[in-house]
Amino acid sequence: VPQTLQKITVVNGCRRLGEKYILNNRVKSAKLTFSNGSTQDIKLKDVHKPQVIKIRPVRTRSVQLTIQSVYRGKLGHTTCITELAP
């Protein structure tokens, strides 16, 4: 069922704070692609708490998130997102 999205909520990085958060990459910027073919670019802060990202309203059945850049972790081989919600 299509929904109209006006925001998404993201918890960036690894679920565990401390060393796990610092070791892994976190998303810095991403592209959202909607079922109607439209796209929107978003930027995330390097914080481990919910971030509400306002987007241009779009009616969609799905959202694909494509990572464009990351905040580098100490290991730098895994990029984590704890939560992504409408």
PDB file of N, CA and C in Angstrom:
ATOM      1  N   VAL A   1       0.848  -1.180   0.000  1.00  0.00           N
ATOM      2  CA  VAL A   1       0.000   0.000   0.000  1.00  0.00           C
ATOM      3  C   VAL A   1       0.896   1.247   0.000  1.00  0.00           C
ATOM      4  N   PRO A   2       0.706   2.135  -0.942  1.00  0.00           N
ATOM      5  CA  PRO A   2       1.525   3.356  -0.974  1.00  0.00           C
ATOM      6  C   PRO A   2       1.267   4.242   0.248  1.00  0.00           C
ATOM      7  N   GLN A   3       2.333   4.906   0.694  1.00  0.00           N
ATOM      8  CA  GLN A   3       2.243   5.858   1.789  1.00  0.00           C
ATOM      9  C   GLN A   3       2.900   7.153   1.350  1.00  0.00           C
ATOM     10  N   THR A   4       2.477   8.247   1.960  1.00  0.00           N
ATOM     11  CA  THR A   4       3.153   9.514   1.720  1.00  0.00           C
ATOM     12  C   THR A   4       4.175   9.711   2.826  1.00  0.00           C
ATOM     13  N   LEU A   5       5.447   9.776   2.437  1.00  0.00           N
ATOM     14  CA  LEU A   5       6.531   9.993   3.393  1.00  0.00           C
ATOM     15  C   LEU A   5       6.936  11.457   3.381  1.00  0.00           C
ATOM     16  N   GLN A   6       7.157  12.016   4.568  1.00  0.00           N
ATOM     17  CA  GLN A   6       7.637  13.378   4.715  1.00  0.00           C
ATOM     18  C   GLN A   6       8.923  13.429   5.526  1.00  0.00           C
ATOM     19  N   LYS A   7       9.267  12.277   6.141  1.00  0.00           N
ATOM     20  CA  LYS A   7      10.474  12.201   6.964  1.00  0.00           C
ATOM     21  C   LYS A   7      10.865  10.741   7.104  1.00  0.00           C
ATOM     22  N   ILE A   8      12.131  10.525   7.451  1.00  0.00           N
ATOM     23  CA  ILE A   8      12.580   9.204   7.866  1.00  0.00           C
ATOM     24  C   ILE A   8      13.403   9.390   9.131  1.00  0.00           C
ATOM     25  N   THR A   9      13.421   8.363   9.947  1.00  0.00           N
ATOM     26  CA  THR A   9      14.213   8.390  11.173  1.00  0.00           C
ATOM     27  C   THR A   9      15.337   7.370  11.034  1.00  0.00           C
ATOM     28  N   VAL A  10      16.549   7.819  11.321  1.00  0.00           N
ATOM     29  CA  VAL A  10      17.723   6.971  11.174  1.00  0.00           C
ATOM     30  C   VAL A  10      18.521   6.980  12.477  1.00  0.00           C
ATOM     31  N   VAL A  11      18.964   5.785  12.919  1.00  0.00           N
ATOM     32  CA  VAL A  11      19.968   5.680  13.974  1.00  0.00           C
ATOM     33  C   VAL A  11      21.220   5.185  13.254  1.00  0.00           C
ATOM     34  N   ASN A  12      22.210   6.047  13.159  1.00  0.00           N
ATOM     35  CA  ASN A  12      23.411   5.802  12.382  1.00  0.00           C
ATOM     36  C   ASN A  12      24.405   4.942  13.163  1.00  0.00           C
ATOM     37  N   GLY A  13      25.174   4.117  12.464  1.00  0.00           N
ATOM     38  CA  GLY A  13      26.250   3.360  13.079  1.00  0.00           C
ATOM     39  C   GLY A  13      25.809   2.063  13.717  1.00  0.00           C
ATOM     40  N   CYS A  14      26.776   1.408  14.363  1.00  0.00           N
ATOM     41  CA  CYS A  14      26.559   0.137  15.041  1.00  0.00           C
ATOM     42  C   CYS A  14      25.712   0.348  16.294  1.00  0.00           C
ATOM     43  N   ARG A  15      24.867  -0.615  16.575  1.00  0.00           N
ATOM     44  CA  ARG A  15      23.953  -0.530  17.720  1.00  0.00           C
ATOM     45  C   ARG A  15      24.684  -0.282  19.031  1.00  0.00           C
ATOM     46  N   ARG A  16      25.852  -0.889  19.195  1.00  0.00           N
ATOM     47  CA  ARG A  16      26.595  -0.755  20.443  1.00  0.00           C
ATOM     48  C   ARG A  16      27.419   0.528  20.442  1.00  0.00           C
ATOM     49  N   LEU A  17      27.279   1.293  21.500  1.00  0.00           N
ATOM     50  CA  LEU A  17      28.088   2.507  21.640  1.00  0.00           C
ATOM     51  C   LEU A  17      29.520   2.132  21.991  1.00  0.00           C
ATOM     52  N   GLY A  18      30.370   3.108  22.017  1.00  0.00           N
ATOM     53  CA  GLY A  18      31.753   2.863  22.414  1.00  0.00           C
ATOM     54  C   GLY A  18      32.578   2.320  21.277  1.00  0.00           C
ATOM     55  N   GLU A  19      33.373   1.307  21.580  1.00  0.00           N
ATOM     56  CA  GLU A  19      34.345   0.787  20.628  1.00  0.00           C
ATOM     57  C   GLU A  19      33.695   0.295  19.328  1.00  0.00           C
ATOM     58  N   LYS A  20      32.589  -0.424  19.408  1.00  0.00           N
ATOM     59  CA  LYS A  20      31.926  -0.939  18.195  1.00  0.00           C
ATOM     60  C   LYS A  20      31.490   0.202  17.289  1.00  0.00           C
ATOM     61  N   TYR A  21      30.989   1.269  17.871  1.00  0.00           N
ATOM     62  CA  TYR A  21      30.549   2.422  17.081  1.00  0.00           C
ATOM     63  C   TYR A  21      31.738   3.048  16.365  1.00  0.00           C
ATOM     64  N   ILE A  22      32.854   3.220  17.044  1.00  0.00           N
ATOM     65  CA  ILE A  22      34.051   3.851  16.490  1.00  0.00           C
ATOM     66  C   ILE A  22      34.766   2.957  15.476  1.00  0.00           C
ATOM     67  N   LEU A  23      34.717   1.639  15.665  1.00  0.00           N
ATOM     68  CA  LEU A  23      35.417   0.721  14.761  1.00  0.00           C
ATOM     69  C   LEU A  23      34.802   0.677  13.365  1.00  0.00           C
ATOM     70  N   ASN A  24      33.475   0.772  13.287  1.00  0.00           N
ATOM     71  CA  ASN A  24      32.769   0.614  12.020  1.00  0.00           C
ATOM     72  C   ASN A  24      32.443   1.965  11.370  1.00  0.00           C
ATOM     73  N   ASN A  25      32.323   1.949  10.041  1.00  0.00           N
ATOM     74  CA  ASN A  25      31.913   3.148   9.306  1.00  0.00           C
ATOM     75  C   ASN A  25      30.470   3.498   9.644  1.00  0.00           C
ATOM     76  N   ARG A  26      30.157   4.778   9.512  1.00  0.00           N
ATOM     77  CA  ARG A  26      28.795   5.275   9.652  1.00  0.00           C
ATOM     78  C   ARG A  26      28.437   6.043   8.382  1.00  0.00           C
ATOM     79  N   VAL A  27      27.162   6.082   8.047  1.00  0.00           N
ATOM     80  CA  VAL A  27      26.718   6.742   6.819  1.00  0.00           C
ATOM     81  C   VAL A  27      26.805   8.257   6.971  1.00  0.00           C
ATOM     82  N   LYS A  28      27.420   8.898   5.994  1.00  0.00           N
ATOM     83  CA  LYS A  28      27.528  10.360   5.959  1.00  0.00           C
ATOM     84  C   LYS A  28      26.482  10.950   5.000  1.00  0.00           C
ATOM     85  N   SER A  29      26.389  10.368   3.812  1.00  0.00           N
ATOM     86  CA  SER A  29      25.375  10.810   2.860  1.00  0.00           C
ATOM     87  C   SER A  29      24.832   9.604   2.103  1.00  0.00           C
ATOM     88  N   ALA A  30      23.586   9.725   1.661  1.00  0.00           N
ATOM     89  CA  ALA A  30      22.932   8.621   0.968  1.00  0.00           C
ATOM     90  C   ALA A  30      21.905   9.164  -0.007  1.00  0.00           C
ATOM     91  N   LYS A  31      21.526   8.317  -0.935  1.00  0.00           N
ATOM     92  CA  LYS A  31      20.464   8.642  -1.886  1.00  0.00           C
ATOM     93  C   LYS A  31      19.280   7.743  -1.589  1.00  0.00           C
ATOM     94  N   LEU A  32      18.095   8.335  -1.466  1.00  0.00           N
ATOM     95  CA  LEU A  32      16.862   7.582  -1.306  1.00  0.00           C
ATOM     96  C   LEU A  32      16.211   7.470  -2.679  1.00  0.00           C
ATOM     97  N   THR A  33      15.840   6.259  -3.073  1.00  0.00           N
ATOM     98  CA  THR A  33      15.143   6.028  -4.335  1.00  0.00           C
ATOM     99  C   THR A  33      13.777   5.449  -4.007  1.00  0.00           C
ATOM    100  N   PHE A  34      12.735   6.076  -4.533  1.00  0.00           N
ATOM    101  CA  PHE A  34      11.358   5.701  -4.226  1.00  0.00           C
ATOM    102  C   PHE A  34      10.757   4.874  -5.359  1.00  0.00           C
ATOM    103  N   SER A  35       9.659   4.173  -5.075  1.00  0.00           N
ATOM    104  CA  SER A  35       9.048   3.281  -6.056  1.00  0.00           C
ATOM    105  C   SER A  35       8.580   4.008  -7.317  1.00  0.00           C
ATOM    106  N   ASN A  36       8.352   5.318  -7.233  1.00  0.00           N
ATOM    107  CA  ASN A  36       7.934   6.080  -8.420  1.00  0.00           C
ATOM    108  C   ASN A  36       9.134   6.528  -9.262  1.00  0.00           C
ATOM    109  N   GLY A  37      10.353   6.139  -8.846  1.00  0.00           N
ATOM    110  CA  GLY A  37      11.555   6.475  -9.603  1.00  0.00           C
ATOM    111  C   GLY A  37      12.239   7.762  -9.168  1.00  0.00           C
ATOM    112  N   SER A  38      11.600   8.540  -8.315  1.00  0.00           N
ATOM    113  CA  SER A  38      12.221   9.790  -7.861  1.00  0.00           C
ATOM    114  C   SER A  38      13.296   9.497  -6.818  1.00  0.00           C
ATOM    115  N   THR A  39      14.217  10.453  -6.653  1.00  0.00           N
ATOM    116  CA  THR A  39      15.300  10.294  -5.684  1.00  0.00           C
ATOM    117  C   THR A  39      15.454  11.564  -4.859  1.00  0.00           C
ATOM    118  N   GLN A  40      16.015  11.407  -3.683  1.00  0.00           N
ATOM    119  CA  GLN A  40      16.370  12.537  -2.824  1.00  0.00           C
ATOM    120  C   GLN A  40      17.660  12.188  -2.104  1.00  0.00           C
ATOM    121  N   ASP A  41      18.549  13.165  -1.985  1.00  0.00           N
ATOM    122  CA  ASP A  41      19.798  12.977  -1.260  1.00  0.00           C
ATOM    123  C   ASP A  41      19.614  13.422   0.188  1.00  0.00           C
ATOM    124  N   ILE A  42      20.226  12.668   1.113  1.00  0.00           N
ATOM    125  CA  ILE A  42      20.169  13.032   2.527  1.00  0.00           C
ATOM    126  C   ILE A  42      21.578  13.035   3.100  1.00  0.00           C
ATOM    127  N   LYS A  43      21.761  13.776   4.185  1.00  0.00           N
ATOM    128  CA  LYS A  43      23.025  13.812   4.920  1.00  0.00           C
ATOM    129  C   LYS A  43      22.728  13.451   6.370  1.00  0.00           C
ATOM    130  N   LEU A  44      23.616  12.659   6.965  1.00  0.00           N
ATOM    131  CA  LEU A  44      23.449  12.238   8.355  1.00  0.00           C
ATOM    132  C   LEU A  44      24.594  12.771   9.197  1.00  0.00           C
ATOM    133  N   LYS A  45      24.297  13.021  10.467  1.00  0.00           N
ATOM    134  CA  LYS A  45      25.327  13.425  11.422  1.00  0.00           C
ATOM    135  C   LYS A  45      25.995  12.182  11.976  1.00  0.00           C
ATOM    136  N   ASP A  46      27.202  12.355  12.484  1.00  0.00           N
ATOM    137  CA  ASP A  46      27.946  11.244  13.071  1.00  0.00           C
ATOM    138  C   ASP A  46      27.621  11.150  14.562  1.00  0.00           C
ATOM    139  N   VAL A  47      26.370  10.821  14.855  1.00  0.00           N
ATOM    140  CA  VAL A  47      25.895  10.670  16.234  1.00  0.00           C
ATOM    141  C   VAL A  47      25.075   9.388  16.331  1.00  0.00           C
ATOM    142  N   HIS A  48      25.091   8.769  17.510  1.00  0.00           N
ATOM    143  CA  HIS A  48      24.364   7.517  17.713  1.00  0.00           C
ATOM    144  C   HIS A  48      23.093   7.785  18.503  1.00  0.00           C
ATOM    145  N   LYS A  49      22.209   8.524  17.883  1.00  0.00           N
ATOM    146  CA  LYS A  49      20.883   8.765  18.442  1.00  0.00           C
ATOM    147  C   LYS A  49      19.953   8.977  17.251  1.00  0.00           C
ATOM    148  N   PRO A  50      18.655   8.837  17.437  1.00  0.00           N
ATOM    149  CA  PRO A  50      17.741   8.990  16.310  1.00  0.00           C
ATOM    150  C   PRO A  50      17.856  10.377  15.667  1.00  0.00           C
ATOM    151  N   GLN A  51      17.920  10.381  14.340  1.00  0.00           N
ATOM    152  CA  GLN A  51      17.937  11.617  13.561  1.00  0.00           C
ATOM    153  C   GLN A  51      16.691  11.615  12.680  1.00  0.00           C
ATOM    154  N   VAL A  52      15.870  12.635  12.801  1.00  0.00           N
ATOM    155  CA  VAL A  52      14.693  12.764  11.953  1.00  0.00           C
ATOM    156  C   VAL A  52      15.090  13.615  10.751  1.00  0.00           C
ATOM    157  N   ILE A  53      15.046  13.013   9.574  1.00  0.00           N
ATOM    158  CA  ILE A  53      15.434  13.678   8.343  1.00  0.00           C
ATOM    159  C   ILE A  53      14.171  14.040   7.574  1.00  0.00           C
ATOM    160  N   LYS A  54      13.925  15.329   7.418  1.00  0.00           N
ATOM    161  CA  LYS A  54      12.774  15.774   6.644  1.00  0.00           C
ATOM    162  C   LYS A  54      13.093  15.647   5.165  1.00  0.00           C
ATOM    163  N   ILE A  55      12.121  15.126   4.403  1.00  0.00           N
ATOM    164  CA  ILE A  55      12.278  14.989   2.959  1.00  0.00           C
ATOM    165  C   ILE A  55      11.087  15.648   2.270  1.00  0.00           C
ATOM    166  N   ARG A  56      11.251  15.911   0.972  1.00  0.00           N
ATOM    167  CA  ARG A  56      10.103  16.416   0.211  1.00  0.00           C
ATOM    168  C   ARG A  56       9.040  15.319   0.208  1.00  0.00           C
ATOM    169  N   PRO A  57       7.790  15.654   0.480  1.00  0.00           N
ATOM    170  CA  PRO A  57       6.747  14.622   0.519  1.00  0.00           C
ATOM    171  C   PRO A  57       6.719  13.812  -0.777  1.00  0.00           C
ATOM    172  N   VAL A  58       6.631  12.493  -0.620  1.00  0.00           N
ATOM    173  CA  VAL A  58       6.596  11.596  -1.771  1.00  0.00           C
ATOM    174  C   VAL A  58       5.682  10.417  -1.444  1.00  0.00           C
ATOM    175  N   ARG A  59       4.856  10.049  -2.407  1.00  0.00           N
ATOM    176  CA  ARG A  59       3.981   8.881  -2.244  1.00  0.00           C
ATOM    177  C   ARG A  59       4.721   7.683  -2.831  1.00  0.00           C
ATOM    178  N   THR A  60       4.899   6.639  -2.014  1.00  0.00           N
ATOM    179  CA  THR A  60       5.736   5.523  -2.443  1.00  0.00           C
ATOM    180  C   THR A  60       5.327   4.217  -1.780  1.00  0.00           C
ATOM    181  N   ARG A  61       5.716   3.117  -2.412  1.00  0.00           N
ATOM    182  CA  ARG A  61       5.519   1.780  -1.844  1.00  0.00           C
ATOM    183  C   ARG A  61       6.791   1.273  -1.185  1.00  0.00           C
ATOM    184  N   SER A  62       7.931   1.839  -1.588  1.00  0.00           N
ATOM    185  CA  SER A  62       9.208   1.358  -1.061  1.00  0.00           C
ATOM    186  C   SER A  62      10.248   2.471  -1.097  1.00  0.00           C
ATOM    187  N   VAL A  63      11.316   2.262  -0.311  1.00  0.00           N
ATOM    188  CA  VAL A  63      12.449   3.182  -0.287  1.00  0.00           C
ATOM    189  C   VAL A  63      13.725   2.355  -0.335  1.00  0.00           C
ATOM    190  N   GLN A  64      14.609   2.701  -1.246  1.00  0.00           N
ATOM    191  CA  GLN A  64      15.929   2.075  -1.314  1.00  0.00           C
ATOM    192  C   GLN A  64      16.938   3.118  -0.875  1.00  0.00           C
ATOM    193  N   LEU A  65      17.833   2.746   0.047  1.00  0.00           N
ATOM    194  CA  LEU A  65      18.867   3.648   0.517  1.00  0.00           C
ATOM    195  C   LEU A  65      20.199   3.196  -0.083  1.00  0.00           C
ATOM    196  N   THR A  66      20.855   4.096  -0.815  1.00  0.00           N
ATOM    197  CA  THR A  66      22.160   3.812  -1.404  1.00  0.00           C
ATOM    198  C   THR A  66      23.190   4.706  -0.729  1.00  0.00           C
ATOM    199  N   ILE A  67      24.177   4.108  -0.087  1.00  0.00           N
ATOM    200  CA  ILE A  67      25.210   4.867   0.614  1.00  0.00           C
ATOM    201  C   ILE A  67      26.112   5.555  -0.391  1.00  0.00           C
ATOM    202  N   GLN A  68      26.323   6.866  -0.202  1.00  0.00           N
ATOM    203  CA  GLN A  68      27.190   7.633  -1.096  1.00  0.00           C
ATOM    204  C   GLN A  68      28.535   7.957  -0.455  1.00  0.00           C
ATOM    205  N   SER A  69      28.548   8.226   0.867  1.00  0.00           N
ATOM    206  CA  SER A  69      29.807   8.482   1.566  1.00  0.00           C
ATOM    207  C   SER A  69      29.647   8.075   3.019  1.00  0.00           C
ATOM    208  N   VAL A  70      30.792   7.871   3.690  1.00  0.00           N
ATOM    209  CA  VAL A  70      30.775   7.390   5.073  1.00  0.00           C
ATOM    210  C   VAL A  70      31.738   8.179   5.947  1.00  0.00           C
ATOM    211  N   TYR A  71      31.465   8.156   7.243  1.00  0.00           N
ATOM    212  CA  TYR A  71      32.429   8.566   8.251  1.00  0.00           C
ATOM    213  C   TYR A  71      33.257   7.314   8.505  1.00  0.00           C
ATOM    214  N   ARG A  72      34.562   7.371   8.303  1.00  0.00           N
ATOM    215  CA  ARG A  72      35.413   6.198   8.398  1.00  0.00           C
ATOM    216  C   ARG A  72      35.600   5.741   9.846  1.00  0.00           C
ATOM    217  N   GLY A  73      35.451   4.432  10.039  1.00  0.00           N
ATOM    218  CA  GLY A  73      35.739   3.826  11.330  1.00  0.00           C
ATOM    219  C   GLY A  73      37.196   3.413  11.400  1.00  0.00           C
ATOM    220  N   LYS A  74      37.623   2.977  12.565  1.00  0.00           N
ATOM    221  CA  LYS A  74      39.017   2.555  12.741  1.00  0.00           C
ATOM    222  C   LYS A  74      39.354   1.351  11.868  1.00  0.00           C
ATOM    223  N   LEU A  75      38.389   0.442  11.669  1.00  0.00           N
ATOM    224  CA  LEU A  75      38.640  -0.716  10.819  1.00  0.00           C
ATOM    225  C   LEU A  75      38.301  -0.405   9.360  1.00  0.00           C
ATOM    226  N   GLY A  76      37.231   0.355   9.143  1.00  0.00           N
ATOM    227  CA  GLY A  76      36.893   0.844   7.815  1.00  0.00           C
ATOM    228  C   GLY A  76      36.423  -0.163   6.796  1.00  0.00           C
ATOM    229  N   HIS A  77      35.965  -1.350   7.230  1.00  0.00           N
ATOM    230  CA  HIS A  77      35.511  -2.326   6.241  1.00  0.00           C
ATOM    231  C   HIS A  77      34.017  -2.634   6.328  1.00  0.00           C
ATOM    232  N   THR A  78      33.351  -2.187   7.346  1.00  0.00           N
ATOM    233  CA  THR A  78      31.916  -2.435   7.508  1.00  0.00           C
ATOM    234  C   THR A  78      31.204  -1.112   7.787  1.00  0.00           C
ATOM    235  N   THR A  79      30.073  -0.905   7.116  1.00  0.00           N
ATOM    236  CA  THR A  79      29.272   0.296   7.355  1.00  0.00           C
ATOM    237  C   THR A  79      27.958  -0.140   7.982  1.00  0.00           C
ATOM    238  N   CYS A  80      27.570   0.521   9.071  1.00  0.00           N
ATOM    239  CA  CYS A  80      26.412   0.107   9.848  1.00  0.00           C
ATOM    240  C   CYS A  80      25.332   1.198   9.921  1.00  0.00           C
ATOM    241  N   ILE A  81      24.089   0.736   9.926  1.00  0.00           N
ATOM    242  CA  ILE A  81      22.924   1.557  10.276  1.00  0.00           C
ATOM    243  C   ILE A  81      22.130   0.714  11.256  1.00  0.00           C
ATOM    244  N   THR A  82      21.854   1.250  12.437  1.00  0.00           N
ATOM    245  CA  THR A  82      21.114   0.494  13.445  1.00  0.00           C
ATOM    246  C   THR A  82      19.626   0.448  13.124  1.00  0.00           C
ATOM    247  N   GLU A  83      19.070   1.585  12.671  1.00  0.00           N
ATOM    248  CA  GLU A  83      17.620   1.637  12.451  1.00  0.00           C
ATOM    249  C   GLU A  83      17.304   2.617  11.336  1.00  0.00           C
ATOM    250  N   LEU A  84      16.289   2.257  10.542  1.00  0.00           N
ATOM    251  CA  LEU A  84      15.754   3.109   9.487  1.00  0.00           C
ATOM    252  C   LEU A  84      14.243   2.932   9.517  1.00  0.00           C
ATOM    253  N   ALA A  85      13.506   4.002   9.787  1.00  0.00           N
ATOM    254  CA  ALA A  85      12.050   3.893   9.940  1.00  0.00           C
ATOM    255  C   ALA A  85      11.361   5.099   9.317  1.00  0.00           C
ATOM    256  N   PRO A  86      10.114   4.907   8.856  1.00  0.00           N
ATOM    257  CA  PRO A  86       9.356   6.048   8.299  1.00  0.00           C
ATOM    258  C   PRO A  86       8.942   7.020   9.386  1.00  0.00           C
TER     259      PRO A  86
END
